[in-house]
């Protein structure tokens, strides 16, 4: 609360995303729809839809709801 505010790039968190407790989302970050950010993660960058984003430094761990091809 005592920190001076700095105007930077906007943060975009799309519909249905979950943010874990203690996660920090830095300026300029874009998190896609239905993504999950793990607790105590520090996020910076652009992440696609259905991402699972892990610990510091944040990285894409895997993508949820991947389509599987049926074997014939």
PDB file of N, CA and C in Angstrom:
ATOM      1  N   UNK A   1       0.815  -1.173   0.000  1.00  0.00           N
ATOM      2  CA  UNK A   1       0.000   0.000   0.000  1.00  0.00           C
ATOM      3  C   UNK A   1       0.872   1.255   0.000  1.00  0.00           C
ATOM      4  N   UNK A   2       2.044   1.204   0.577  1.00  0.00           N
ATOM      5  CA  UNK A   2       2.919   2.362   0.639  1.00  0.00           C
ATOM      6  C   UNK A   2       3.806   2.500  -0.598  1.00  0.00           C
ATOM      7  N   UNK A   3       3.770   1.511  -1.484  1.00  0.00           N
ATOM      8  CA  UNK A   3       4.585   1.550  -2.689  1.00  0.00           C
ATOM      9  C   UNK A   3       4.016   2.565  -3.671  1.00  0.00           C
ATOM     10  N   UNK A   4       4.870   3.345  -4.326  1.00  0.00           N
ATOM     11  CA  UNK A   4       4.346   4.260  -5.349  1.00  0.00           C
ATOM     12  C   UNK A   4       3.828   3.455  -6.542  1.00  0.00           C
ATOM     13  N   UNK A   5       2.733   3.903  -7.123  1.00  0.00           N
ATOM     14  CA  UNK A   5       2.191   3.177  -8.265  1.00  0.00           C
ATOM     15  C   UNK A   5       2.932   3.576  -9.531  1.00  0.00           C
ATOM     16  N   UNK A   6       3.237   2.586 -10.327  1.00  0.00           N
ATOM     17  CA  UNK A   6       3.904   2.816 -11.605  1.00  0.00           C
ATOM     18  C   UNK A   6       2.960   2.347 -12.695  1.00  0.00           C
ATOM     19  N   UNK A   7       2.768   3.178 -13.663  1.00  0.00           N
ATOM     20  CA  UNK A   7       1.912   2.791 -14.772  1.00  0.00           C
ATOM     21  C   UNK A   7       2.747   2.002 -15.765  1.00  0.00           C
ATOM     22  N   UNK A   8       2.334   0.793 -15.975  1.00  0.00           N
ATOM     23  CA  UNK A   8       3.038  -0.078 -16.905  1.00  0.00           C
ATOM     24  C   UNK A   8       2.060  -0.652 -17.894  1.00  0.00           C
ATOM     25  N   UNK A   9       2.427  -1.746 -18.443  1.00  0.00           N
ATOM     26  CA  UNK A   9       1.563  -2.417 -19.394  1.00  0.00           C
ATOM     27  C   UNK A   9       0.406  -3.060 -18.640  1.00  0.00           C
ATOM     28  N   UNK A  10      -0.753  -3.195 -19.278  1.00  0.00           N
ATOM     29  CA  UNK A  10      -1.905  -3.797 -18.599  1.00  0.00           C
ATOM     30  C   UNK A  10      -1.727  -5.308 -18.419  1.00  0.00           C
ATOM     31  N   UNK A  11      -2.468  -5.846 -17.468  1.00  0.00           N
ATOM     32  CA  UNK A  11      -2.506  -7.278 -17.217  1.00  0.00           C
ATOM     33  C   UNK A  11      -3.827  -7.794 -17.766  1.00  0.00           C
ATOM     34  N   UNK A  12      -3.781  -8.878 -18.562  1.00  0.00           N
ATOM     35  CA  UNK A  12      -4.992  -9.461 -19.133  1.00  0.00           C
ATOM     36  C   UNK A  12      -5.160 -10.875 -18.589  1.00  0.00           C
ATOM     37  N   UNK A  13      -6.221 -11.096 -17.823  1.00  0.00           N
ATOM     38  CA  UNK A  13      -6.555 -12.421 -17.328  1.00  0.00           C
ATOM     39  C   UNK A  13      -7.913 -12.762 -17.924  1.00  0.00           C
ATOM     40  N   UNK A  14      -7.941 -13.751 -18.793  1.00  0.00           N
ATOM     41  CA  UNK A  14      -9.168 -14.059 -19.524  1.00  0.00           C
ATOM     42  C   UNK A  14     -10.128 -14.925 -18.712  1.00  0.00           C
ATOM     43  N   UNK A  15     -11.325 -15.070 -19.238  1.00  0.00           N
ATOM     44  CA  UNK A  15     -12.455 -15.734 -18.600  1.00  0.00           C
ATOM     45  C   UNK A  15     -12.114 -17.118 -18.043  1.00  0.00           C
ATOM     46  N   UNK A  16     -12.534 -17.369 -16.820  1.00  0.00           N
ATOM     47  CA  UNK A  16     -12.461 -18.694 -16.227  1.00  0.00           C
ATOM     48  C   UNK A  16     -11.107 -19.102 -15.678  1.00  0.00           C
ATOM     49  N   UNK A  17     -10.145 -18.206 -15.650  1.00  0.00           N
ATOM     50  CA  UNK A  17      -8.821 -18.561 -15.138  1.00  0.00           C
ATOM     51  C   UNK A  17      -8.816 -18.567 -13.621  1.00  0.00           C
ATOM     52  N   UNK A  18      -8.010 -19.438 -13.042  1.00  0.00           N
ATOM     53  CA  UNK A  18      -7.877 -19.541 -11.592  1.00  0.00           C
ATOM     54  C   UNK A  18      -6.496 -19.044 -11.208  1.00  0.00           C
ATOM     55  N   UNK A  19      -6.438 -18.218 -10.171  1.00  0.00           N
ATOM     56  CA  UNK A  19      -5.169 -17.693  -9.672  1.00  0.00           C
ATOM     57  C   UNK A  19      -4.972 -18.235  -8.264  1.00  0.00           C
ATOM     58  N   UNK A  20      -3.870 -18.933  -8.030  1.00  0.00           N
ATOM     59  CA  UNK A  20      -3.598 -19.521  -6.728  1.00  0.00           C
ATOM     60  C   UNK A  20      -3.224 -18.471  -5.690  1.00  0.00           C
ATOM     61  N   UNK A  21      -3.339 -18.845  -4.434  1.00  0.00           N
ATOM     62  CA  UNK A  21      -3.040 -17.955  -3.317  1.00  0.00           C
ATOM     63  C   UNK A  21      -1.581 -17.505  -3.368  1.00  0.00           C
ATOM     64  N   UNK A  22      -1.363 -16.225  -3.210  1.00  0.00           N
ATOM     65  CA  UNK A  22      -0.015 -15.672  -3.150  1.00  0.00           C
ATOM     66  C   UNK A  22       0.661 -15.503  -4.493  1.00  0.00           C
ATOM     67  N   UNK A  23      -0.036 -15.761  -5.584  1.00  0.00           N
ATOM     68  CA  UNK A  23       0.565 -15.605  -6.911  1.00  0.00           C
ATOM     69  C   UNK A  23       0.737 -14.129  -7.235  1.00  0.00           C
ATOM     70  N   UNK A  24       1.828 -13.804  -7.904  1.00  0.00           N
ATOM     71  CA  UNK A  24       2.096 -12.433  -8.332  1.00  0.00           C
ATOM     72  C   UNK A  24       2.034 -12.389  -9.849  1.00  0.00           C
ATOM     73  N   UNK A  25       1.190 -11.507 -10.376  1.00  0.00           N
ATOM     74  CA  UNK A  25       1.046 -11.342 -11.820  1.00  0.00           C
ATOM     75  C   UNK A  25       1.692 -10.011 -12.176  1.00  0.00           C
ATOM     76  N   UNK A  26       2.777 -10.050 -12.934  1.00  0.00           N
ATOM     77  CA  UNK A  26       3.528  -8.843 -13.258  1.00  0.00           C
ATOM     78  C   UNK A  26       2.943  -8.116 -14.465  1.00  0.00           C
ATOM     79  N   UNK A  27       3.301  -6.852 -14.606  1.00  0.00           N
ATOM     80  CA  UNK A  27       2.786  -6.008 -15.685  1.00  0.00           C
ATOM     81  C   UNK A  27       3.097  -6.610 -17.051  1.00  0.00           C
ATOM     82  N   UNK A  28       2.143  -6.519 -17.953  1.00  0.00           N
ATOM     83  CA  UNK A  28       2.307  -7.004 -19.315  1.00  0.00           C
ATOM     84  C   UNK A  28       1.984  -8.479 -19.496  1.00  0.00           C
ATOM     85  N   UNK A  29       1.530  -9.140 -18.454  1.00  0.00           N
ATOM     86  CA  UNK A  29       1.232 -10.567 -18.519  1.00  0.00           C
ATOM     87  C   UNK A  29      -0.141 -10.802 -19.136  1.00  0.00           C
ATOM     88  N   UNK A  30      -0.241 -11.820 -19.976  1.00  0.00           N
ATOM     89  CA  UNK A  30      -1.514 -12.234 -20.563  1.00  0.00           C
ATOM     90  C   UNK A  30      -1.720 -13.710 -20.250  1.00  0.00           C
ATOM     91  N   UNK A  31      -2.825 -14.008 -19.565  1.00  0.00           N
ATOM     92  CA  UNK A  31      -3.157 -15.375 -19.207  1.00  0.00           C
ATOM     93  C   UNK A  31      -4.414 -15.763 -19.975  1.00  0.00           C
ATOM     94  N   UNK A  32      -4.338 -16.860 -20.717  1.00  0.00           N
ATOM     95  CA  UNK A  32      -5.442 -17.292 -21.573  1.00  0.00           C
ATOM     96  C   UNK A  32      -6.632 -17.840 -20.799  1.00  0.00           C
ATOM     97  N   UNK A  33      -7.734 -18.101 -21.519  1.00  0.00           N
ATOM     98  CA  UNK A  33      -8.968 -18.615 -20.920  1.00  0.00           C
ATOM     99  C   UNK A  33      -8.726 -19.945 -20.228  1.00  0.00           C
ATOM    100  N   UNK A  34      -9.466 -20.144 -19.134  1.00  0.00           N
ATOM    101  CA  UNK A  34      -9.489 -21.394 -18.389  1.00  0.00           C
ATOM    102  C   UNK A  34      -8.106 -21.911 -18.011  1.00  0.00           C
ATOM    103  N   UNK A  35      -7.207 -20.993 -17.689  1.00  0.00           N
ATOM    104  CA  UNK A  35      -5.858 -21.356 -17.267  1.00  0.00           C
ATOM    105  C   UNK A  35      -5.790 -21.421 -15.748  1.00  0.00           C
ATOM    106  N   UNK A  36      -4.740 -22.056 -15.239  1.00  0.00           N
ATOM    107  CA  UNK A  36      -4.534 -22.186 -13.804  1.00  0.00           C
ATOM    108  C   UNK A  36      -3.137 -21.688 -13.471  1.00  0.00           C
ATOM    109  N   UNK A  37      -3.051 -20.755 -12.518  1.00  0.00           N
ATOM    110  CA  UNK A  37      -1.764 -20.256 -12.035  1.00  0.00           C
ATOM    111  C   UNK A  37      -1.564 -20.835 -10.645  1.00  0.00           C
ATOM    112  N   UNK A  38      -0.462 -21.551 -10.443  1.00  0.00           N
ATOM    113  CA  UNK A  38      -0.194 -22.203  -9.169  1.00  0.00           C
ATOM    114  C   UNK A  38       0.058 -21.205  -8.051  1.00  0.00           C
ATOM    115  N   UNK A  39      -0.160 -21.655  -6.821  1.00  0.00           N
ATOM    116  CA  UNK A  39       0.048 -20.818  -5.644  1.00  0.00           C
ATOM    117  C   UNK A  39       1.511 -20.378  -5.557  1.00  0.00           C
ATOM    118  N   UNK A  40       1.718 -19.151  -5.131  1.00  0.00           N
ATOM    119  CA  UNK A  40       3.044 -18.555  -4.937  1.00  0.00           C
ATOM    120  C   UNK A  40       3.882 -18.470  -6.208  1.00  0.00           C
ATOM    121  N   UNK A  41       3.242 -18.489  -7.367  1.00  0.00           N
ATOM    122  CA  UNK A  41       3.952 -18.342  -8.636  1.00  0.00           C
ATOM    123  C   UNK A  41       4.161 -16.866  -8.946  1.00  0.00           C
ATOM    124  N   UNK A  42       5.184 -16.578  -9.726  1.00  0.00           N
ATOM    125  CA  UNK A  42       5.423 -15.218 -10.211  1.00  0.00           C
ATOM    126  C   UNK A  42       5.300 -15.284 -11.725  1.00  0.00           C
ATOM    127  N   UNK A  43       4.226 -14.704 -12.274  1.00  0.00           N
ATOM    128  CA  UNK A  43       3.927 -14.820 -13.702  1.00  0.00           C
ATOM    129  C   UNK A  43       4.354 -13.584 -14.469  1.00  0.00           C
ATOM    130  N   UNK A  44       5.016 -13.841 -15.585  1.00  0.00           N
ATOM    131  CA  UNK A  44       5.386 -12.774 -16.499  1.00  0.00           C
ATOM    132  C   UNK A  44       5.422 -13.376 -17.895  1.00  0.00           C
ATOM    133  N   UNK A  45       4.767 -12.738 -18.843  1.00  0.00           N
ATOM    134  CA  UNK A  45       4.773 -13.213 -20.217  1.00  0.00           C
ATOM    135  C   UNK A  45       3.378 -13.500 -20.732  1.00  0.00           C
ATOM    136  N   UNK A  46       3.320 -14.223 -21.846  1.00  0.00           N
ATOM    137  CA  UNK A  46       2.047 -14.559 -22.479  1.00  0.00           C
ATOM    138  C   UNK A  46       1.867 -16.069 -22.427  1.00  0.00           C
ATOM    139  N   UNK A  47       0.679 -16.483 -21.983  1.00  0.00           N
ATOM    140  CA  UNK A  47       0.365 -17.895 -21.859  1.00  0.00           C
ATOM    141  C   UNK A  47      -0.907 -18.184 -22.645  1.00  0.00           C
ATOM    142  N   UNK A  48      -0.944 -19.295 -23.411  1.00  0.00           N
ATOM    143  CA  UNK A  48      -2.119 -19.609 -24.225  1.00  0.00           C
ATOM    144  C   UNK A  48      -3.291 -20.100 -23.378  1.00  0.00           C
ATOM    145  N   UNK A  49      -4.437 -20.285 -24.014  1.00  0.00           N
ATOM    146  CA  UNK A  49      -5.617 -20.823 -23.349  1.00  0.00           C
ATOM    147  C   UNK A  49      -5.309 -22.207 -22.774  1.00  0.00           C
ATOM    148  N   UNK A  50      -5.980 -22.551 -21.685  1.00  0.00           N
ATOM    149  CA  UNK A  50      -5.900 -23.860 -21.031  1.00  0.00           C
ATOM    150  C   UNK A  50      -4.515 -24.195 -20.477  1.00  0.00           C
ATOM    151  N   UNK A  51      -3.745 -23.194 -20.088  1.00  0.00           N
ATOM    152  CA  UNK A  51      -2.400 -23.414 -19.563  1.00  0.00           C
ATOM    153  C   UNK A  51      -2.428 -23.737 -18.076  1.00  0.00           C
ATOM    154  N   UNK A  52      -1.451 -24.516 -17.654  1.00  0.00           N
ATOM    155  CA  UNK A  52      -1.182 -24.711 -16.232  1.00  0.00           C
ATOM    156  C   UNK A  52       0.197 -24.123 -16.022  1.00  0.00           C
ATOM    157  N   UNK A  53       0.255 -23.066 -15.205  1.00  0.00           N
ATOM    158  CA  UNK A  53       1.469 -22.281 -15.046  1.00  0.00           C
ATOM    159  C   UNK A  53       2.060 -22.566 -13.680  1.00  0.00           C
ATOM    160  N   UNK A  54       3.367 -22.860 -13.663  1.00  0.00           N
ATOM    161  CA  UNK A  54       4.007 -23.326 -12.444  1.00  0.00           C
ATOM    162  C   UNK A  54       4.809 -22.299 -11.686  1.00  0.00           C
ATOM    163  N   UNK A  55       5.691 -22.786 -10.836  1.00  0.00           N
ATOM    164  CA  UNK A  55       6.369 -21.961  -9.834  1.00  0.00           C
ATOM    165  C   UNK A  55       7.353 -20.960 -10.432  1.00  0.00           C
ATOM    166  N   UNK A  56       8.004 -20.243  -9.532  1.00  0.00           N
ATOM    167  CA  UNK A  56       8.917 -19.170  -9.916  1.00  0.00           C
ATOM    168  C   UNK A  56      10.171 -19.746 -10.537  1.00  0.00           C
ATOM    169  N   UNK A  57      10.738 -19.257 -11.620  1.00  0.00           N
ATOM    170  CA  UNK A  57      10.058 -18.342 -12.532  1.00  0.00           C
ATOM    171  C   UNK A  57       8.971 -19.100 -13.282  1.00  0.00           C
ATOM    172  N   UNK A  58       7.880 -18.434 -13.512  1.00  0.00           N
ATOM    173  CA  UNK A  58       6.721 -19.129 -14.079  1.00  0.00           C
ATOM    174  C   UNK A  58       7.031 -19.680 -15.463  1.00  0.00           C
ATOM    175  N   UNK A  59       6.471 -20.847 -15.704  1.00  0.00           N
ATOM    176  CA  UNK A  59       6.620 -21.489 -17.008  1.00  0.00           C
ATOM    177  C   UNK A  59       5.383 -22.347 -17.256  1.00  0.00           C
ATOM    178  N   UNK A  60       5.171 -22.637 -18.477  1.00  0.00           N
ATOM    179  CA  UNK A  60       4.036 -23.473 -18.864  1.00  0.00           C
ATOM    180  C   UNK A  60       4.379 -24.916 -18.517  1.00  0.00           C
ATOM    181  N   UNK A  61       3.648 -25.496 -17.573  1.00  0.00           N
ATOM    182  CA  UNK A  61       3.897 -26.881 -17.176  1.00  0.00           C
ATOM    183  C   UNK A  61       3.268 -27.845 -18.172  1.00  0.00           C
ATOM    184  N   UNK A  62       1.996 -27.624 -18.488  1.00  0.00           N
ATOM    185  CA  UNK A  62       1.313 -28.398 -19.511  1.00  0.00           C
ATOM    186  C   UNK A  62       0.033 -27.688 -19.898  1.00  0.00           C
ATOM    187  N   UNK A  63      -0.640 -28.208 -20.909  1.00  0.00           N
ATOM    188  CA  UNK A  63      -1.881 -27.623 -21.389  1.00  0.00           C
ATOM    189  C   UNK A  63      -3.028 -28.561 -21.053  1.00  0.00           C
ATOM    190  N   UNK A  64      -4.088 -28.012 -20.481  1.00  0.00           N
ATOM    191  CA  UNK A  64      -5.268 -28.791 -20.121  1.00  0.00           C
ATOM    192  C   UNK A  64      -6.117 -29.059 -21.355  1.00  0.00           C
ATOM    193  N   UNK A  65      -6.925 -30.098 -21.295  1.00  0.00           N
ATOM    194  CA  UNK A  65      -7.920 -30.421 -22.315  1.00  0.00           C
ATOM    195  C   UNK A  65      -7.315 -30.622 -23.708  1.00  0.00           C
ATOM    196  N   UNK A  66      -6.207 -31.311 -23.779  1.00  0.00           N
ATOM    197  CA  UNK A  66      -5.647 -31.586 -25.109  1.00  0.00           C
ATOM    198  C   UNK A  66      -6.505 -32.629 -25.796  1.00  0.00           C
ATOM    199  N   UNK A  67      -6.620 -32.501 -27.075  1.00  0.00           N
ATOM    200  CA  UNK A  67      -7.436 -33.459 -27.831  1.00  0.00           C
ATOM    201  C   UNK A  67      -6.597 -34.681 -28.156  1.00  0.00           C
ATOM    202  N   UNK A  68      -7.209 -35.825 -28.042  1.00  0.00           N
ATOM    203  CA  UNK A  68      -6.529 -37.070 -28.350  1.00  0.00           C
ATOM    204  C   UNK A  68      -7.150 -37.675 -29.594  1.00  0.00           C
ATOM    205  N   UNK A  69      -6.305 -38.205 -30.452  1.00  0.00           N
ATOM    206  CA  UNK A  69      -6.819 -38.849 -31.657  1.00  0.00           C
ATOM    207  C   UNK A  69      -7.255 -40.256 -31.300  1.00  0.00           C
ATOM    208  N   UNK A  70      -8.425 -40.636 -31.833  1.00  0.00           N
ATOM    209  CA  UNK A  70      -8.927 -41.988 -31.605  1.00  0.00           C
ATOM    210  C   UNK A  70      -8.180 -42.968 -32.508  1.00  0.00           C
ATOM    211  N   UNK A  71      -7.850 -44.103 -31.922  1.00  0.00           N
ATOM    212  CA  UNK A  71      -7.220 -45.153 -32.719  1.00  0.00           C
ATOM    213  C   UNK A  71      -8.304 -45.904 -33.468  1.00  0.00           C
ATOM    214  N   UNK A  72      -8.069 -46.153 -34.750  1.00  0.00           N
ATOM    215  CA  UNK A  72      -9.081 -46.872 -35.517  1.00  0.00           C
ATOM    216  C   UNK A  72      -8.782 -48.338 -35.597  1.00  0.00           C
TER     217      UNK A  72
END
